[in-house]
Amino acid sequence: MASQIWPSVITLLALLVLIWVSAIVGHYRTKCNVKAPATTGDPLFERAYRVQMNTIESALLFLPALWLAARWGSGYVVAAAGGLWIVGRIVYALGYLQDPARRSLGFGISSTGIIALMVDAAIGLFRAVIS
């Protein structure tokens, strides 16, 4: 049970990030008067919408990688790499909202987290298969 604490904490934080970016979209939809179901209009709204969609897309890779690493990898890697993804997505969102050209740092940080989780899971799973 204790081995699931960090992946569970990271998953909860990831869900909070997803809720946060959704709230940003709602804020800009109202502020920019973009009526649903429109997804284009004001550039500020479009940036917020892209942040949300890109974060959802990233989460589709992140969450399975996190739980595979939680099962087969190192708990330290899970905590550190999961934290990287969280921080990266926040940096990504804040940068992209200011200027789309400023999204690269956050993308790199969060992608590093996903890659670390995938490598950790693959190594652990490989060890399990050969033993």
C-alpha atoms as a PDB file:
ATOM      1  CA  MET A   1       0.000   0.000   0.000  1.00  0.00           C
ATOM      2  CA  ALA A   2       2.799   2.434   0.859  1.00  0.00           C
ATOM      3  CA  SER A   3       4.302   2.024  -2.633  1.00  0.00           C
ATOM      4  CA  GLN A   4       1.178   3.621  -4.102  1.00  0.00           C
ATOM      5  CA  ILE A   5       1.350   6.812  -2.047  1.00  0.00           C
ATOM      6  CA  TRP A   6       3.537   8.856  -4.423  1.00  0.00           C
ATOM      7  CA  PRO A   7       1.843   7.828  -7.642  1.00  0.00           C
ATOM      8  CA  SER A   8      -1.499   8.560  -5.985  1.00  0.00           C
ATOM      9  CA  VAL A   9      -0.346  12.004  -4.817  1.00  0.00           C
ATOM     10  CA  ILE A  10       1.041  12.772  -8.280  1.00  0.00           C
ATOM     11  CA  THR A  11      -2.186  11.577  -9.930  1.00  0.00           C
ATOM     12  CA  LEU A  12      -4.231  13.823  -7.662  1.00  0.00           C
ATOM     13  CA  LEU A  13      -1.970  16.779  -8.504  1.00  0.00           C
ATOM     14  CA  ALA A  14      -2.305  15.971 -12.217  1.00  0.00           C
ATOM     15  CA  LEU A  15      -6.083  16.046 -11.861  1.00  0.00           C
ATOM     16  CA  LEU A  16      -5.814  19.435 -10.151  1.00  0.00           C
ATOM     17  CA  VAL A  17      -3.689  20.720 -13.050  1.00  0.00           C
ATOM     18  CA  LEU A  18      -6.342  19.489 -15.492  1.00  0.00           C
ATOM     19  CA  ILE A  19      -9.079  21.236 -13.495  1.00  0.00           C
ATOM     20  CA  TRP A  20      -6.962  24.408 -13.325  1.00  0.00           C
ATOM     21  CA  VAL A  21      -6.422  24.586 -17.101  1.00  0.00           C
ATOM     22  CA  SER A  22     -10.144  23.925 -17.632  1.00  0.00           C
ATOM     23  CA  ALA A  23     -10.974  26.818 -15.326  1.00  0.00           C
ATOM     24  CA  ILE A  24      -8.627  29.057 -17.302  1.00  0.00           C
ATOM     25  CA  VAL A  25     -10.520  28.189 -20.494  1.00  0.00           C
ATOM     26  CA  GLY A  26     -13.809  29.030 -18.796  1.00  0.00           C
ATOM     27  CA  HIS A  27     -12.388  32.330 -17.567  1.00  0.00           C
ATOM     28  CA  TYR A  28     -11.184  33.356 -21.022  1.00  0.00           C
ATOM     29  CA  ARG A  29     -14.357  32.101 -22.703  1.00  0.00           C
ATOM     30  CA  THR A  30     -16.316  34.565 -20.529  1.00  0.00           C
ATOM     31  CA  LYS A  31     -13.729  37.369 -20.636  1.00  0.00           C
ATOM     32  CA  CYS A  32     -13.369  37.189 -24.429  1.00  0.00           C
ATOM     33  CA  ASN A  33     -17.080  36.533 -25.049  1.00  0.00           C
ATOM     34  CA  VAL A  34     -16.496  33.312 -26.977  1.00  0.00           C
ATOM     35  CA  LYS A  35     -19.814  31.480 -26.918  1.00  0.00           C
ATOM     36  CA  ALA A  36     -19.869  27.691 -26.706  1.00  0.00           C
ATOM     37  CA  PRO A  37     -19.375  25.591 -28.757  1.00  0.00           C
ATOM     38  CA  ALA A  38     -16.923  27.931 -30.549  1.00  0.00           C
ATOM     39  CA  THR A  39     -13.233  27.154 -30.025  1.00  0.00           C
ATOM     40  CA  THR A  40     -11.879  30.082 -32.011  1.00  0.00           C
ATOM     41  CA  GLY A  41     -12.209  33.813 -31.802  1.00  0.00           C
ATOM     42  CA  ASP A  42     -10.071  35.863 -29.473  1.00  0.00           C
ATOM     43  CA  PRO A  43      -6.355  34.890 -29.439  1.00  0.00           C
ATOM     44  CA  LEU A  44      -6.306  34.901 -25.614  1.00  0.00           C
ATOM     45  CA  PHE A  45      -9.110  32.359 -25.526  1.00  0.00           C
ATOM     46  CA  GLU A  46      -7.467  30.273 -28.246  1.00  0.00           C
ATOM     47  CA  ARG A  47      -4.226  30.117 -26.236  1.00  0.00           C
ATOM     48  CA  ALA A  48      -6.094  28.982 -23.127  1.00  0.00           C
ATOM     49  CA  TYR A  49      -7.948  26.375 -25.165  1.00  0.00           C
ATOM     50  CA  ARG A  50      -4.701  25.056 -26.676  1.00  0.00           C
ATOM     51  CA  VAL A  51      -3.127  24.861 -23.208  1.00  0.00           C
ATOM     52  CA  GLN A  52      -6.060  22.747 -22.050  1.00  0.00           C
ATOM     53  CA  MET A  53      -6.049  20.455 -25.085  1.00  0.00           C
ATOM     54  CA  ASN A  54      -2.265  20.042 -25.039  1.00  0.00           C
ATOM     55  CA  THR A  55      -2.340  19.236 -21.325  1.00  0.00           C
ATOM     56  CA  ILE A  56      -5.040  16.608 -21.865  1.00  0.00           C
ATOM     57  CA  GLU A  57      -2.996  15.119 -24.724  1.00  0.00           C
ATOM     58  CA  SER A  58       0.094  15.017 -22.525  1.00  0.00           C
ATOM     59  CA  ALA A  59      -1.857  13.444 -19.653  1.00  0.00           C
ATOM     60  CA  LEU A  60      -2.821  10.567 -21.961  1.00  0.00           C
ATOM     61  CA  LEU A  61       0.864   9.624 -22.113  1.00  0.00           C
ATOM     62  CA  PHE A  62       1.759  10.659 -18.585  1.00  0.00           C
ATOM     63  CA  LEU A  63      -0.796   8.739 -16.509  1.00  0.00           C
ATOM     64  CA  PRO A  64      -0.185   5.251 -17.959  1.00  0.00           C
ATOM     65  CA  ALA A  65       3.581   5.863 -17.809  1.00  0.00           C
ATOM     66  CA  LEU A  66       3.250   6.948 -14.177  1.00  0.00           C
ATOM     67  CA  TRP A  67       1.341   3.840 -13.130  1.00  0.00           C
ATOM     68  CA  LEU A  68       3.514   1.462 -15.138  1.00  0.00           C
ATOM     69  CA  ALA A  69       6.559   2.970 -13.432  1.00  0.00           C
ATOM     70  CA  ALA A  70       4.768   2.752 -10.083  1.00  0.00           C
ATOM     71  CA  ARG A  71       4.245  -0.964 -10.629  1.00  0.00           C
ATOM     72  CA  TRP A  72       7.548  -1.929 -12.238  1.00  0.00           C
ATOM     73  CA  GLY A  73      10.000   0.896 -11.552  1.00  0.00           C
ATOM     74  CA  SER A  74      11.524   2.863  -8.727  1.00  0.00           C
ATOM     75  CA  GLY A  75       9.423   4.839  -6.272  1.00  0.00           C
ATOM     76  CA  TYR A  76      11.992   7.637  -6.297  1.00  0.00           C
ATOM     77  CA  VAL A  77      11.803   7.972 -10.061  1.00  0.00           C
ATOM     78  CA  VAL A  78       8.006   7.968  -9.923  1.00  0.00           C
ATOM     79  CA  ALA A  79       7.947  10.820  -7.411  1.00  0.00           C
ATOM     80  CA  ALA A  80      10.636  12.889  -9.151  1.00  0.00           C
ATOM     81  CA  ALA A  81       9.478  12.344 -12.730  1.00  0.00           C
ATOM     82  CA  GLY A  82       5.827  12.785 -11.782  1.00  0.00           C
ATOM     83  CA  GLY A  83       6.721  16.037 -10.065  1.00  0.00           C
ATOM     84  CA  LEU A  84       8.589  17.132 -13.204  1.00  0.00           C
ATOM     85  CA  TRP A  85       5.468  16.602 -15.284  1.00  0.00           C
ATOM     86  CA  ILE A  86       3.357  18.651 -12.856  1.00  0.00           C
ATOM     87  CA  VAL A  87       5.863  21.517 -12.755  1.00  0.00           C
ATOM     88  CA  GLY A  88       6.377  21.311 -16.506  1.00  0.00           C
ATOM     89  CA  ARG A  89       2.683  21.590 -17.282  1.00  0.00           C
ATOM     90  CA  ILE A  90       2.336  24.618 -15.003  1.00  0.00           C
ATOM     91  CA  VAL A  91       5.361  26.301 -16.611  1.00  0.00           C
ATOM     92  CA  TYR A  92       3.960  25.363 -20.034  1.00  0.00           C
ATOM     93  CA  ALA A  93       0.541  26.865 -19.280  1.00  0.00           C
ATOM     94  CA  LEU A  94       1.879  30.096 -17.833  1.00  0.00           C
ATOM     95  CA  GLY A  95       4.356  30.533 -20.672  1.00  0.00           C
ATOM     96  CA  TYR A  96       1.883  29.723 -23.443  1.00  0.00           C
ATOM     97  CA  LEU A  97      -0.735  32.075 -22.001  1.00  0.00           C
ATOM     98  CA  GLN A  98       1.782  34.935 -22.072  1.00  0.00           C
ATOM     99  CA  ASP A  99       3.196  34.141 -25.505  1.00  0.00           C
ATOM    100  CA  PRO A 100       2.949  30.871 -27.474  1.00  0.00           C
ATOM    101  CA  ALA A 101       6.698  31.093 -28.180  1.00  0.00           C
ATOM    102  CA  ARG A 102       7.301  30.665 -24.423  1.00  0.00           C
ATOM    103  CA  ARG A 103       5.811  27.171 -24.227  1.00  0.00           C
ATOM    104  CA  SER A 104       9.007  25.239 -25.023  1.00  0.00           C
ATOM    105  CA  LEU A 105      10.555  25.174 -21.539  1.00  0.00           C
ATOM    106  CA  GLY A 106       7.431  23.721 -19.925  1.00  0.00           C
ATOM    107  CA  PHE A 107       7.011  21.250 -22.768  1.00  0.00           C
ATOM    108  CA  GLY A 108      10.594  20.089 -22.310  1.00  0.00           C
ATOM    109  CA  ILE A 109      10.251  19.699 -18.555  1.00  0.00           C
ATOM    110  CA  SER A 110       7.006  17.717 -18.755  1.00  0.00           C
ATOM    111  CA  SER A 111       8.278  15.580 -21.639  1.00  0.00           C
ATOM    112  CA  THR A 112      11.391  14.727 -19.631  1.00  0.00           C
ATOM    113  CA  GLY A 113       9.112  13.498 -16.850  1.00  0.00           C
ATOM    114  CA  ILE A 114       7.180  11.250 -19.228  1.00  0.00           C
ATOM    115  CA  ILE A 115      10.328   9.845 -20.801  1.00  0.00           C
ATOM    116  CA  ALA A 116      11.868   9.152 -17.385  1.00  0.00           C
ATOM    117  CA  LEU A 117       8.733   7.278 -16.317  1.00  0.00           C
ATOM    118  CA  MET A 118       8.665   5.234 -19.511  1.00  0.00           C
ATOM    119  CA  VAL A 119      12.342   4.309 -19.207  1.00  0.00           C
ATOM    120  CA  ASP A 120      11.921   3.426 -15.527  1.00  0.00           C
ATOM    121  CA  ALA A 121       8.877   1.265 -16.290  1.00  0.00           C
ATOM    122  CA  ALA A 122      10.624  -0.437 -19.224  1.00  0.00           C
ATOM    123  CA  ILE A 123      13.725  -1.263 -17.186  1.00  0.00           C
ATOM    124  CA  GLY A 124      11.661  -2.659 -14.315  1.00  0.00           C
ATOM    125  CA  LEU A 125       9.428  -4.650 -16.622  1.00  0.00           C
ATOM    126  CA  PHE A 126      12.421  -6.007 -18.542  1.00  0.00           C
ATOM    127  CA  ARG A 127      13.989  -7.146 -15.274  1.00  0.00           C
ATOM    128  CA  ALA A 128      10.733  -8.858 -14.290  1.00  0.00           C
ATOM    129  CA  VAL A 129      10.472 -10.653 -17.631  1.00  0.00           C
ATOM    130  CA  ILE A 130      14.035 -11.982 -17.603  1.00  0.00           C
ATOM    131  CA  SER A 131      13.950 -13.139 -13.979  1.00  0.00           C
END
